[in-house]
Every structure is written in C-alpha cells, then in structure tokens.
Amino acid sequence: MYKYLSPTFLYKHSFKTQLSTLILLLLQGCTQLPDSQAPQKVNVTNRAKIVNGMESWQIKGQIAFLQQNKRQKASLNWHKKYNNQTLNLTTYLGINVLNLETTDGIHTLEVDGKTYHSDDLDRLIWQLTGLLFPSQALPYWIKGVPFSPQDQIKLDQNTALPKQLTSYYNNRQWQIQYKNYKQFKGIDLPTSLTVQQDGFTIKLAIRHWQFN
C-alpha cells in the first residue's frame, strides 16, 4: 500500500536535498581555490635576468624630493630606450616644470623656459635645481636591481623580492627601500620606493609600467 506524500513534504525534502548538494559543491570548490593571501616566492636569478634585459621602458607616477624643510613634488613621465630618454615633470595643475631629453650622451634640459645642454646630467641638474639626481643608477634602482656588483641587496623572506638595497654611486652611499610591488606582464616591479642619501630623499610612487 502506497503512502501519500503531501506537496509540502515533497517541497521541503527537495529543498533540503538541493541545499545539501550546494553546500557540498561550495566546500569542494573552496578546497580547490589557492590561498590568495599566501605570498609566492619568485626566482631571483630569472627575475634579475629579465629585468636587466628591459632596456626600453616607460613609467608614470609621482616623484618627491625632500631635503631638510624643503619638499618638492611632481608628476613623472619617464621614457627610456637604451641610451636615449625623455623625462617630464609637471605640477598637479599640469604645468611643466622640467623637460629632459637625452640623445647620444647629450642631455638637453628645459627649466623655467630656458634650455641647457651638457654631457653630465647629474651636475647639470644640481647646478640648476640644487637637487641630487643619481641619473645613471636610478634606472636600475626603480626596477629593483643593483647598479653595480658592489651593491648589497636584502631580499624579502616571503617573496624573495628586493626589500632593501645599499648602493654606491658617485662616491656616495645610497639606501633604497622597496615598499610595494605589482605584476606587469607577469613580472614583479616596484611601485613604491624610497631613495636616501644622508639628509636627502627621493620618493617614487609608480602607477604604470610599460616595457618591451
């Protein structure tokens, strides 16, 4: 003899079955998802080789120069291709304060509507602005690689990415601190770093990396 099952019973039974199945699927899915919080280590040798091979690149972001009680900040657009480069600094209002163009070792700098030429960029910037600008080393530091074999590098224990770099440039010791990285085309590149030499500091916040 068949037992009559009410529609209410059938609905509750079906709902419980579907709910149990859904919970089971969710639990299975959770066990298959990787932990997004867990830091992944990079291969130091491979990364250094790839990054050092980036001879044509462009960055956009913010740069700040700090010394004693003086602070200067500007938007940065820096494009470097092998030994040639263009570097533009503008205020937050879009007013251009510095234009640099380097071609075949000759640097052309436009400041306050005047144009200057030199084969020594560091000295030229110092004479015009009073700022230390490690022009030859900074393209290495912003990529998170040493400028010279004598540089000392400290890696992050979790990611194996450069955390601190002690570099020697123009007979001065520079300290570079890396705060944040972001992947661009699968390569971890710095997006926040601080460059210090005695009482002088350069801060860089890079929002965009482009390279070939």
N, C-alpha and C. Protein backbone atom coordinates (compact mmCIF):
# COMPACT_ATOMS: atom_id res chain seq x y z
N MET A 1 0.85 -1.19 0.00
CA MET A 1 0.00 0.00 0.00
C MET A 1 0.89 1.25 0.00
N TYR A 2 0.65 2.14 -0.95
CA TYR A 2 1.47 3.34 -1.08
C TYR A 2 1.06 4.40 -0.08
N LYS A 3 2.05 5.07 0.46
CA LYS A 3 1.80 6.14 1.42
C LYS A 3 1.77 7.47 0.68
N TYR A 4 0.76 8.24 0.93
CA TYR A 4 0.57 9.53 0.25
C TYR A 4 1.54 10.57 0.85
N LEU A 5 2.29 11.23 -0.04
CA LEU A 5 3.22 12.28 0.39
C LEU A 5 2.66 13.62 -0.03
N SER A 6 2.50 14.48 0.93
CA SER A 6 1.91 15.78 0.66
C SER A 6 2.86 16.65 -0.16
N PRO A 7 2.36 17.62 -0.93
CA PRO A 7 3.21 18.54 -1.68
C PRO A 7 4.18 19.31 -0.79
N THR A 8 3.72 19.63 0.43
CA THR A 8 4.59 20.36 1.36
C THR A 8 5.82 19.55 1.73
N PHE A 9 5.60 18.24 1.98
CA PHE A 9 6.70 17.35 2.33
C PHE A 9 7.68 17.24 1.16
N LEU A 10 7.12 17.07 -0.05
CA LEU A 10 7.98 16.93 -1.22
C LEU A 10 8.82 18.20 -1.44
N TYR A 11 8.22 19.35 -1.22
CA TYR A 11 8.93 20.61 -1.42
C TYR A 11 10.08 20.74 -0.41
N LYS A 12 9.79 20.44 0.88
CA LYS A 12 10.82 20.55 1.92
C LYS A 12 11.95 19.56 1.66
N HIS A 13 11.57 18.33 1.25
CA HIS A 13 12.59 17.30 1.00
C HIS A 13 13.48 17.71 -0.17
N SER A 14 12.86 18.22 -1.24
CA SER A 14 13.62 18.65 -2.41
C SER A 14 14.53 19.82 -2.07
N PHE A 15 14.04 20.77 -1.28
CA PHE A 15 14.83 21.94 -0.90
C PHE A 15 16.05 21.54 -0.07
N LYS A 16 15.84 20.61 0.87
CA LYS A 16 16.95 20.15 1.72
C LYS A 16 18.00 19.45 0.88
N THR A 17 17.55 18.64 -0.09
CA THR A 17 18.49 17.92 -0.95
C THR A 17 19.32 18.89 -1.78
N GLN A 18 18.66 19.90 -2.36
CA GLN A 18 19.36 20.88 -3.17
C GLN A 18 20.34 21.70 -2.33
N LEU A 19 19.92 22.06 -1.12
CA LEU A 19 20.77 22.84 -0.23
C LEU A 19 22.01 22.05 0.17
N SER A 20 21.82 20.75 0.48
CA SER A 20 22.95 19.90 0.87
C SER A 20 23.93 19.77 -0.29
N THR A 21 23.38 19.59 -1.49
CA THR A 21 24.24 19.46 -2.67
C THR A 21 25.03 20.74 -2.92
N LEU A 22 24.37 21.89 -2.77
CA LEU A 22 25.03 23.18 -2.98
C LEU A 22 26.15 23.40 -1.98
N ILE A 23 25.90 23.09 -0.71
CA ILE A 23 26.94 23.25 0.33
C ILE A 23 28.14 22.36 0.03
N LEU A 24 27.87 21.13 -0.41
CA LEU A 24 28.94 20.19 -0.73
C LEU A 24 29.79 20.71 -1.88
N LEU A 25 29.13 21.25 -2.91
CA LEU A 25 29.87 21.79 -4.05
C LEU A 25 30.71 22.99 -3.65
N LEU A 26 30.16 23.85 -2.78
CA LEU A 26 30.90 25.02 -2.32
C LEU A 26 32.12 24.62 -1.52
N LEU A 27 31.95 23.62 -0.66
CA LEU A 27 33.08 23.15 0.14
C LEU A 27 34.17 22.56 -0.74
N GLN A 28 33.76 21.80 -1.77
CA GLN A 28 34.73 21.23 -2.69
C GLN A 28 35.46 22.32 -3.45
N GLY A 29 34.70 23.36 -3.83
CA GLY A 29 35.31 24.46 -4.55
C GLY A 29 36.30 25.21 -3.70
N CYS A 30 35.99 25.38 -2.43
CA CYS A 30 36.89 26.10 -1.53
C CYS A 30 38.21 25.37 -1.35
N THR A 31 38.17 24.07 -1.33
CA THR A 31 39.39 23.31 -1.12
C THR A 31 40.28 23.37 -2.35
N GLN A 32 39.70 23.73 -3.53
CA GLN A 32 40.49 23.77 -4.75
C GLN A 32 41.04 25.16 -5.04
N LEU A 33 40.53 26.19 -4.36
CA LEU A 33 40.98 27.54 -4.61
C LEU A 33 42.31 27.79 -3.90
N PRO A 34 43.27 28.42 -4.56
CA PRO A 34 44.54 28.74 -3.90
C PRO A 34 44.36 29.86 -2.90
N ASP A 35 45.21 29.88 -1.91
CA ASP A 35 45.16 30.92 -0.88
C ASP A 35 45.76 32.19 -1.44
N SER A 36 44.92 33.19 -1.71
CA SER A 36 45.39 34.43 -2.33
C SER A 36 46.25 35.25 -1.38
N GLN A 37 46.17 34.96 -0.08
CA GLN A 37 46.95 35.72 0.89
C GLN A 37 48.38 35.20 1.01
N ALA A 38 48.59 33.96 0.60
CA ALA A 38 49.91 33.36 0.76
C ALA A 38 50.89 33.96 -0.23
N PRO A 39 52.01 34.55 0.22
CA PRO A 39 52.99 35.14 -0.69
C PRO A 39 53.68 34.06 -1.51
N GLN A 40 53.94 34.36 -2.77
CA GLN A 40 54.61 33.42 -3.64
C GLN A 40 56.01 33.91 -3.93
N LYS A 41 56.97 33.05 -3.73
CA LYS A 41 58.36 33.43 -3.96
C LYS A 41 58.67 33.45 -5.46
N VAL A 42 59.55 34.36 -5.83
CA VAL A 42 59.97 34.45 -7.22
C VAL A 42 61.38 33.87 -7.33
N ASN A 43 61.74 33.49 -8.54
CA ASN A 43 63.09 33.01 -8.80
C ASN A 43 63.99 34.23 -8.98
N VAL A 44 64.89 34.44 -8.03
CA VAL A 44 65.70 35.65 -8.01
C VAL A 44 66.56 35.78 -9.26
N THR A 45 67.19 34.69 -9.68
CA THR A 45 68.08 34.73 -10.84
C THR A 45 67.31 35.03 -12.11
N ASN A 46 66.18 34.35 -12.30
CA ASN A 46 65.38 34.58 -13.51
C ASN A 46 64.85 36.00 -13.56
N ARG A 47 64.37 36.49 -12.42
CA ARG A 47 63.82 37.85 -12.40
C ARG A 47 64.89 38.88 -12.74
N ALA A 48 66.06 38.75 -12.12
CA ALA A 48 67.14 39.70 -12.37
C ALA A 48 67.55 39.70 -13.85
N LYS A 49 67.57 38.52 -14.45
CA LYS A 49 67.95 38.41 -15.86
C LYS A 49 66.93 39.11 -16.75
N ILE A 50 65.64 38.89 -16.46
CA ILE A 50 64.58 39.50 -17.26
C ILE A 50 64.57 41.01 -17.09
N VAL A 51 64.65 41.46 -15.83
CA VAL A 51 64.57 42.89 -15.55
C VAL A 51 65.78 43.64 -16.11
N ASN A 52 66.96 43.06 -16.00
CA ASN A 52 68.15 43.71 -16.55
C ASN A 52 68.09 43.81 -18.07
N GLY A 53 67.32 42.92 -18.68
CA GLY A 53 67.15 42.95 -20.13
C GLY A 53 66.14 43.98 -20.60
N MET A 54 65.45 44.62 -19.67
CA MET A 54 64.46 45.64 -20.01
C MET A 54 65.17 46.97 -20.29
N GLU A 55 65.63 47.16 -21.50
CA GLU A 55 66.36 48.38 -21.84
C GLU A 55 65.47 49.44 -22.46
N SER A 56 64.22 49.08 -22.75
CA SER A 56 63.26 50.05 -23.27
C SER A 56 62.02 50.00 -22.39
N TRP A 57 61.75 51.09 -21.65
CA TRP A 57 60.64 51.08 -20.70
C TRP A 57 60.10 52.50 -20.49
N GLN A 58 58.94 52.55 -19.87
CA GLN A 58 58.31 53.83 -19.53
C GLN A 58 57.58 53.69 -18.20
N ILE A 59 57.73 54.69 -17.34
CA ILE A 59 56.99 54.71 -16.08
C ILE A 59 56.22 56.03 -15.96
N LYS A 60 55.09 55.94 -15.27
CA LYS A 60 54.30 57.13 -14.96
C LYS A 60 53.94 57.07 -13.48
N GLY A 61 53.98 58.21 -12.82
CA GLY A 61 53.65 58.22 -11.40
C GLY A 61 53.96 59.56 -10.77
N GLN A 62 54.40 59.51 -9.51
CA GLN A 62 54.72 60.71 -8.74
C GLN A 62 56.14 60.60 -8.20
N ILE A 63 56.81 61.74 -8.15
CA ILE A 63 58.15 61.79 -7.57
C ILE A 63 58.22 62.97 -6.61
N ALA A 64 58.91 62.77 -5.49
CA ALA A 64 59.05 63.83 -4.49
C ALA A 64 60.51 63.92 -4.05
N PHE A 65 61.00 65.14 -3.90
CA PHE A 65 62.35 65.40 -3.42
C PHE A 65 62.24 66.08 -2.06
N LEU A 66 62.89 65.50 -1.06
CA LEU A 66 62.82 66.03 0.30
C LEU A 66 64.23 66.28 0.83
N GLN A 67 64.46 67.48 1.32
CA GLN A 67 65.73 67.79 1.98
C GLN A 67 65.50 68.89 3.01
N GLN A 68 65.92 68.60 4.24
CA GLN A 68 65.69 69.49 5.38
C GLN A 68 64.21 69.87 5.45
N ASN A 69 63.89 71.14 5.35
CA ASN A 69 62.49 71.56 5.43
C ASN A 69 61.88 71.83 4.06
N LYS A 70 62.56 71.40 3.02
CA LYS A 70 62.11 71.67 1.66
C LYS A 70 61.54 70.40 1.03
N ARG A 71 60.38 70.54 0.39
CA ARG A 71 59.74 69.40 -0.25
C ARG A 71 59.21 69.82 -1.62
N GLN A 72 59.59 69.07 -2.64
CA GLN A 72 59.13 69.34 -4.00
C GLN A 72 58.51 68.07 -4.57
N LYS A 73 57.33 68.20 -5.14
CA LYS A 73 56.60 67.05 -5.65
C LYS A 73 56.11 67.32 -7.06
N ALA A 74 56.13 66.29 -7.91
CA ALA A 74 55.69 66.46 -9.29
C ALA A 74 55.21 65.14 -9.87
N SER A 75 54.42 65.24 -10.92
CA SER A 75 54.04 64.05 -11.68
C SER A 75 55.20 63.70 -12.61
N LEU A 76 55.42 62.42 -12.77
CA LEU A 76 56.59 61.93 -13.50
C LEU A 76 56.18 61.10 -14.71
N ASN A 77 56.79 61.40 -15.84
CA ASN A 77 56.64 60.58 -17.05
C ASN A 77 58.04 60.37 -17.61
N TRP A 78 58.55 59.16 -17.47
CA TRP A 78 59.94 58.87 -17.82
C TRP A 78 59.97 57.72 -18.83
N HIS A 79 60.53 58.01 -19.98
CA HIS A 79 60.63 57.01 -21.05
C HIS A 79 62.10 56.84 -21.41
N LYS A 80 62.59 55.62 -21.26
CA LYS A 80 63.99 55.35 -21.56
C LYS A 80 64.10 54.23 -22.59
N LYS A 81 64.89 54.46 -23.60
CA LYS A 81 65.12 53.46 -24.65
C LYS A 81 66.61 53.38 -24.91
N TYR A 82 67.22 52.32 -24.36
CA TYR A 82 68.66 52.14 -24.43
C TYR A 82 69.36 53.37 -23.82
N ASN A 83 70.18 54.09 -24.58
CA ASN A 83 70.90 55.23 -24.02
C ASN A 83 70.16 56.55 -24.20
N ASN A 84 69.00 56.51 -24.83
CA ASN A 84 68.21 57.73 -25.03
C ASN A 84 67.04 57.76 -24.06
N GLN A 85 66.59 58.96 -23.72
CA GLN A 85 65.49 59.07 -22.76
C GLN A 85 64.79 60.42 -22.87
N THR A 86 63.55 60.43 -22.38
CA THR A 86 62.81 61.67 -22.17
C THR A 86 62.22 61.60 -20.77
N LEU A 87 62.27 62.71 -20.05
CA LEU A 87 61.74 62.76 -18.69
C LEU A 87 61.01 64.09 -18.53
N ASN A 88 59.75 64.00 -18.12
CA ASN A 88 58.94 65.20 -17.93
C ASN A 88 58.42 65.25 -16.50
N LEU A 89 58.54 66.41 -15.88
CA LEU A 89 57.97 66.65 -14.55
C LEU A 89 56.93 67.77 -14.67
N THR A 90 55.75 67.52 -14.14
CA THR A 90 54.68 68.52 -14.18
C THR A 90 54.04 68.65 -12.80
N THR A 91 53.46 69.81 -12.54
CA THR A 91 52.75 70.03 -11.28
C THR A 91 51.39 69.36 -11.35
N TYR A 92 50.68 69.36 -10.21
CA TYR A 92 49.36 68.74 -10.19
C TYR A 92 48.36 69.51 -11.05
N LEU A 93 48.72 70.75 -11.42
CA LEU A 93 47.88 71.55 -12.32
C LEU A 93 48.23 71.31 -13.78
N GLY A 94 49.23 70.45 -14.01
CA GLY A 94 49.63 70.15 -15.38
C GLY A 94 50.66 71.11 -15.95
N ILE A 95 51.22 71.97 -15.10
CA ILE A 95 52.23 72.92 -15.56
C ILE A 95 53.59 72.22 -15.64
N ASN A 96 54.23 72.32 -16.78
CA ASN A 96 55.50 71.65 -16.99
C ASN A 96 56.62 72.42 -16.30
N VAL A 97 57.36 71.72 -15.42
CA VAL A 97 58.44 72.39 -14.68
C VAL A 97 59.82 71.94 -15.14
N LEU A 98 59.89 70.77 -15.79
CA LEU A 98 61.19 70.27 -16.26
C LEU A 98 61.00 69.31 -17.41
N ASN A 99 61.78 69.52 -18.47
CA ASN A 99 61.81 68.60 -19.61
C ASN A 99 63.24 68.16 -19.84
N LEU A 100 63.43 66.88 -19.95
CA LEU A 100 64.76 66.34 -20.24
C LEU A 100 64.70 65.45 -21.48
N GLU A 101 65.67 65.63 -22.34
CA GLU A 101 65.82 64.74 -23.49
C GLU A 101 67.29 64.39 -23.64
N THR A 102 67.57 63.10 -23.71
CA THR A 102 68.94 62.63 -23.86
C THR A 102 69.07 61.88 -25.18
N THR A 103 70.02 62.29 -26.00
CA THR A 103 70.28 61.64 -27.28
C THR A 103 71.78 61.52 -27.47
N ASP A 104 72.24 60.28 -27.63
CA ASP A 104 73.66 60.01 -27.87
C ASP A 104 74.57 60.67 -26.83
N GLY A 105 74.16 60.60 -25.57
CA GLY A 105 75.00 61.08 -24.49
C GLY A 105 74.93 62.57 -24.21
N ILE A 106 74.15 63.31 -24.99
CA ILE A 106 73.99 64.75 -24.77
C ILE A 106 72.63 65.00 -24.15
N HIS A 107 72.62 65.70 -23.02
CA HIS A 107 71.40 65.95 -22.27
C HIS A 107 70.91 67.38 -22.53
N THR A 108 69.66 67.49 -22.92
CA THR A 108 69.04 68.79 -23.13
C THR A 108 67.96 68.98 -22.08
N LEU A 109 68.12 70.01 -21.26
CA LEU A 109 67.22 70.24 -20.14
C LEU A 109 66.54 71.60 -20.29
N GLU A 110 65.21 71.58 -20.17
CA GLU A 110 64.44 72.82 -20.21
C GLU A 110 63.86 73.09 -18.83
N VAL A 111 64.25 74.22 -18.25
CA VAL A 111 63.76 74.63 -16.93
C VAL A 111 63.43 76.12 -16.98
N ASP A 112 62.24 76.47 -16.53
CA ASP A 112 61.81 77.87 -16.48
C ASP A 112 61.93 78.56 -17.84
N GLY A 113 61.62 77.82 -18.89
CA GLY A 113 61.64 78.40 -20.23
C GLY A 113 63.01 78.54 -20.85
N LYS A 114 64.05 78.08 -20.17
CA LYS A 114 65.41 78.16 -20.70
C LYS A 114 65.94 76.76 -21.00
N THR A 115 66.81 76.68 -21.99
CA THR A 115 67.34 75.39 -22.44
C THR A 115 68.83 75.30 -22.13
N TYR A 116 69.23 74.13 -21.60
CA TYR A 116 70.63 73.90 -21.24
C TYR A 116 71.09 72.57 -21.83
N HIS A 117 72.39 72.49 -22.15
CA HIS A 117 72.96 71.27 -22.72
C HIS A 117 74.19 70.87 -21.91
N SER A 118 74.37 69.55 -21.75
CA SER A 118 75.54 69.05 -21.02
C SER A 118 75.69 67.56 -21.27
N ASP A 119 76.91 67.07 -21.08
CA ASP A 119 77.14 65.63 -21.14
C ASP A 119 77.20 65.03 -19.73
N ASP A 120 76.99 65.86 -18.70
CA ASP A 120 76.97 65.42 -17.30
C ASP A 120 75.62 65.82 -16.70
N LEU A 121 74.68 64.89 -16.72
CA LEU A 121 73.32 65.20 -16.29
C LEU A 121 73.23 65.49 -14.79
N ASP A 122 73.93 64.70 -13.98
CA ASP A 122 73.89 64.90 -12.53
C ASP A 122 74.34 66.32 -12.16
N ARG A 123 75.45 66.74 -12.74
CA ARG A 123 75.99 68.07 -12.45
C ARG A 123 75.05 69.17 -12.94
N LEU A 124 74.45 68.96 -14.13
CA LEU A 124 73.55 69.96 -14.70
C LEU A 124 72.32 70.16 -13.81
N ILE A 125 71.72 69.06 -13.36
CA ILE A 125 70.54 69.15 -12.50
C ILE A 125 70.89 69.80 -11.17
N TRP A 126 72.06 69.46 -10.64
CA TRP A 126 72.49 70.05 -9.38
C TRP A 126 72.68 71.57 -9.51
N GLN A 127 73.30 72.00 -10.60
CA GLN A 127 73.56 73.42 -10.80
C GLN A 127 72.26 74.22 -10.98
N LEU A 128 71.27 73.62 -11.63
CA LEU A 128 70.04 74.34 -11.94
C LEU A 128 68.99 74.26 -10.83
N THR A 129 68.98 73.14 -10.10
CA THR A 129 67.90 72.93 -9.12
C THR A 129 68.40 72.73 -7.69
N GLY A 130 69.68 72.40 -7.52
CA GLY A 130 70.19 72.10 -6.19
C GLY A 130 69.80 70.73 -5.69
N LEU A 131 69.32 69.87 -6.61
CA LEU A 131 68.87 68.52 -6.24
C LEU A 131 69.88 67.46 -6.66
N LEU A 132 70.05 66.47 -5.81
CA LEU A 132 70.84 65.30 -6.18
C LEU A 132 69.96 64.39 -7.03
N PHE A 133 70.45 64.01 -8.18
CA PHE A 133 69.69 63.12 -9.05
C PHE A 133 70.64 62.07 -9.61
N PRO A 134 70.61 60.85 -9.04
CA PRO A 134 71.51 59.79 -9.50
C PRO A 134 71.05 59.21 -10.83
N SER A 135 71.29 59.94 -11.91
CA SER A 135 70.68 59.64 -13.21
C SER A 135 71.10 58.29 -13.80
N GLN A 136 72.32 57.85 -13.53
CA GLN A 136 72.77 56.59 -14.10
C GLN A 136 72.32 55.38 -13.28
N ALA A 137 72.19 55.57 -11.97
CA ALA A 137 71.83 54.45 -11.09
C ALA A 137 70.33 54.28 -10.94
N LEU A 138 69.59 55.38 -10.98
CA LEU A 138 68.14 55.31 -10.72
C LEU A 138 67.39 54.39 -11.69
N PRO A 139 67.76 54.33 -12.98
CA PRO A 139 67.07 53.38 -13.86
C PRO A 139 67.20 51.92 -13.42
N TYR A 140 68.26 51.59 -12.70
CA TYR A 140 68.42 50.24 -12.15
C TYR A 140 67.60 50.10 -10.87
N TRP A 141 67.71 51.08 -9.99
CA TRP A 141 67.04 51.01 -8.69
C TRP A 141 65.53 50.91 -8.83
N ILE A 142 64.94 51.66 -9.76
CA ILE A 142 63.48 51.63 -9.88
C ILE A 142 62.97 50.27 -10.37
N LYS A 143 63.86 49.47 -10.96
CA LYS A 143 63.47 48.13 -11.40
C LYS A 143 63.74 47.08 -10.32
N GLY A 144 64.40 47.50 -9.23
CA GLY A 144 64.69 46.57 -8.15
C GLY A 144 65.89 45.69 -8.42
N VAL A 145 66.90 46.25 -9.09
CA VAL A 145 68.14 45.52 -9.35
C VAL A 145 69.33 46.40 -8.98
N PRO A 146 70.47 45.81 -8.61
CA PRO A 146 71.65 46.59 -8.23
C PRO A 146 72.21 47.39 -9.40
N PHE A 147 72.87 48.49 -9.06
CA PHE A 147 73.53 49.31 -10.08
C PHE A 147 74.91 48.76 -10.40
N SER A 148 75.60 48.26 -9.39
CA SER A 148 76.96 47.74 -9.59
C SER A 148 77.12 46.44 -8.81
N PRO A 149 78.14 45.63 -9.15
CA PRO A 149 78.36 44.37 -8.43
C PRO A 149 78.66 44.56 -6.95
N GLN A 150 79.11 45.75 -6.56
CA GLN A 150 79.44 46.01 -5.16
C GLN A 150 78.20 46.29 -4.31
N ASP A 151 77.07 46.50 -4.94
CA ASP A 151 75.85 46.81 -4.19
C ASP A 151 75.42 45.62 -3.34
N GLN A 152 74.83 45.93 -2.20
CA GLN A 152 74.35 44.89 -1.28
C GLN A 152 72.83 44.90 -1.29
N ILE A 153 72.27 43.71 -1.48
CA ILE A 153 70.82 43.60 -1.61
C ILE A 153 70.25 42.68 -0.53
N LYS A 154 69.13 43.09 0.04
CA LYS A 154 68.44 42.29 1.05
C LYS A 154 67.07 41.91 0.50
N LEU A 155 66.77 40.60 0.52
CA LEU A 155 65.53 40.10 -0.05
C LEU A 155 64.46 39.90 1.01
N ASP A 156 63.23 40.06 0.62
CA ASP A 156 62.10 39.77 1.50
C ASP A 156 62.02 38.26 1.72
N GLN A 157 61.84 37.84 2.96
CA GLN A 157 61.83 36.41 3.29
C GLN A 157 60.66 35.67 2.66
N ASN A 158 59.54 36.35 2.48
CA ASN A 158 58.35 35.70 1.95
C ASN A 158 58.29 35.67 0.43
N THR A 159 58.70 36.77 -0.20
CA THR A 159 58.55 36.86 -1.65
C THR A 159 59.86 36.71 -2.42
N ALA A 160 60.99 36.85 -1.73
CA ALA A 160 62.32 36.83 -2.35
C ALA A 160 62.53 38.02 -3.29
N LEU A 161 61.68 39.03 -3.17
CA LEU A 161 61.86 40.27 -3.93
C LEU A 161 62.76 41.22 -3.15
N PRO A 162 63.50 42.09 -3.83
CA PRO A 162 64.36 43.04 -3.13
C PRO A 162 63.57 43.90 -2.14
N LYS A 163 64.06 43.95 -0.92
CA LYS A 163 63.43 44.75 0.13
C LYS A 163 64.26 45.99 0.45
N GLN A 164 65.56 45.81 0.41
CA GLN A 164 66.48 46.92 0.71
C GLN A 164 67.73 46.77 -0.14
N LEU A 165 68.24 47.91 -0.59
CA LEU A 165 69.43 47.90 -1.44
C LEU A 165 70.38 48.99 -0.97
N THR A 166 71.62 48.60 -0.73
CA THR A 166 72.67 49.56 -0.41
C THR A 166 73.55 49.70 -1.63
N SER A 167 73.57 50.89 -2.20
CA SER A 167 74.26 51.09 -3.47
C SER A 167 75.29 52.21 -3.35
N TYR A 168 76.30 52.13 -4.20
CA TYR A 168 77.37 53.12 -4.19
C TYR A 168 77.43 53.81 -5.56
N TYR A 169 77.23 55.12 -5.52
CA TYR A 169 77.17 55.88 -6.77
C TYR A 169 77.80 57.25 -6.55
N ASN A 170 78.73 57.60 -7.43
CA ASN A 170 79.45 58.88 -7.33
C ASN A 170 80.07 59.09 -5.95
N ASN A 171 80.71 58.03 -5.46
CA ASN A 171 81.40 58.07 -4.16
C ASN A 171 80.47 58.38 -3.00
N ARG A 172 79.21 58.08 -3.16
CA ARG A 172 78.23 58.25 -2.09
C ARG A 172 77.50 56.93 -1.85
N GLN A 173 77.11 56.72 -0.60
CA GLN A 173 76.32 55.53 -0.28
C GLN A 173 74.84 55.89 -0.28
N TRP A 174 74.06 55.11 -1.01
CA TRP A 174 72.62 55.34 -1.13
C TRP A 174 71.87 54.15 -0.55
N GLN A 175 70.76 54.44 0.11
CA GLN A 175 69.89 53.40 0.65
C GLN A 175 68.56 53.43 -0.10
N ILE A 176 68.17 52.29 -0.62
CA ILE A 176 66.90 52.19 -1.35
C ILE A 176 66.00 51.21 -0.63
N GLN A 177 64.82 51.67 -0.26
CA GLN A 177 63.83 50.84 0.42
C GLN A 177 62.65 50.59 -0.53
N TYR A 178 62.27 49.31 -0.67
CA TYR A 178 61.15 48.95 -1.53
C TYR A 178 59.95 48.59 -0.66
N LYS A 179 58.84 49.28 -0.90
CA LYS A 179 57.65 49.08 -0.07
C LYS A 179 56.60 48.20 -0.74
N ASN A 180 56.38 48.42 -2.03
CA ASN A 180 55.34 47.67 -2.74
C ASN A 180 55.80 47.25 -4.12
N TYR A 181 55.24 46.11 -4.54
CA TYR A 181 55.47 45.60 -5.89
C TYR A 181 54.12 45.28 -6.54
N LYS A 182 54.13 45.25 -7.85
CA LYS A 182 52.95 44.85 -8.60
C LYS A 182 53.40 44.16 -9.88
N GLN A 183 52.61 43.18 -10.31
CA GLN A 183 52.98 42.46 -11.52
C GLN A 183 52.53 43.21 -12.76
N PHE A 184 53.47 43.37 -13.70
CA PHE A 184 53.19 43.93 -15.01
C PHE A 184 53.70 42.92 -16.04
N LYS A 185 52.78 42.38 -16.83
CA LYS A 185 53.12 41.33 -17.80
C LYS A 185 53.81 40.16 -17.12
N GLY A 186 53.38 39.85 -15.91
CA GLY A 186 53.91 38.70 -15.19
C GLY A 186 55.22 38.95 -14.47
N ILE A 187 55.72 40.18 -14.49
CA ILE A 187 57.00 40.50 -13.84
C ILE A 187 56.74 41.42 -12.65
N ASP A 188 57.29 41.08 -11.49
CA ASP A 188 57.12 41.90 -10.29
C ASP A 188 58.04 43.12 -10.37
N LEU A 189 57.43 44.30 -10.39
CA LEU A 189 58.19 45.55 -10.47
C LEU A 189 57.77 46.49 -9.35
N PRO A 190 58.71 47.28 -8.83
CA PRO A 190 58.40 48.19 -7.72
C PRO A 190 57.36 49.24 -8.12
N THR A 191 56.46 49.53 -7.20
CA THR A 191 55.50 50.62 -7.38
C THR A 191 55.65 51.68 -6.29
N SER A 192 56.44 51.39 -5.28
CA SER A 192 56.68 52.36 -4.21
C SER A 192 58.08 52.13 -3.65
N LEU A 193 58.92 53.15 -3.71
CA LEU A 193 60.28 53.02 -3.20
C LEU A 193 60.79 54.37 -2.71
N THR A 194 61.78 54.29 -1.82
CA THR A 194 62.40 55.49 -1.24
C THR A 194 63.90 55.40 -1.42
N VAL A 195 64.50 56.47 -1.93
CA VAL A 195 65.94 56.55 -2.15
C VAL A 195 66.50 57.61 -1.21
N GLN A 196 67.50 57.23 -0.40
CA GLN A 196 68.03 58.16 0.61
C GLN A 196 69.54 58.26 0.54
N GLN A 197 70.02 59.49 0.75
CA GLN A 197 71.46 59.74 0.84
C GLN A 197 71.65 60.87 1.84
N ASP A 198 72.17 60.53 3.03
CA ASP A 198 72.28 61.50 4.12
C ASP A 198 70.92 62.12 4.39
N GLY A 199 70.80 63.43 4.28
CA GLY A 199 69.53 64.09 4.58
C GLY A 199 68.66 64.33 3.36
N PHE A 200 69.02 63.72 2.26
CA PHE A 200 68.27 63.91 1.01
C PHE A 200 67.47 62.65 0.69
N THR A 201 66.21 62.83 0.27
CA THR A 201 65.33 61.69 0.00
C THR A 201 64.57 61.89 -1.32
N ILE A 202 64.49 60.82 -2.08
CA ILE A 202 63.64 60.78 -3.28
C ILE A 202 62.59 59.71 -3.05
N LYS A 203 61.33 60.08 -3.21
CA LYS A 203 60.24 59.11 -3.09
C LYS A 203 59.57 58.94 -4.44
N LEU A 204 59.33 57.68 -4.79
CA LEU A 204 58.70 57.38 -6.07
C LEU A 204 57.47 56.52 -5.85
N ALA A 205 56.37 56.93 -6.47
CA ALA A 205 55.14 56.13 -6.48
C ALA A 205 54.79 55.90 -7.95
N ILE A 206 54.98 54.67 -8.40
CA ILE A 206 54.80 54.34 -9.82
C ILE A 206 53.46 53.65 -10.01
N ARG A 207 52.61 54.23 -10.83
CA ARG A 207 51.30 53.64 -11.07
C ARG A 207 51.24 52.85 -12.37
N HIS A 208 52.23 53.08 -13.25
CA HIS A 208 52.18 52.43 -14.56
C HIS A 208 53.58 52.08 -15.04
N TRP A 209 53.74 50.82 -15.45
CA TRP A 209 54.98 50.34 -16.05
C TRP A 209 54.65 49.86 -17.47
N GLN A 210 55.50 50.23 -18.41
CA GLN A 210 55.37 49.71 -19.78
C GLN A 210 56.76 49.39 -20.30
N PHE A 211 56.91 48.23 -20.89
CA PHE A 211 58.22 47.84 -21.39
C PHE A 211 58.07 46.87 -22.56
N ASN A 212 59.15 46.77 -23.34
CA ASN A 212 59.18 45.86 -24.49
C ASN A 212 60.03 44.64 -24.18
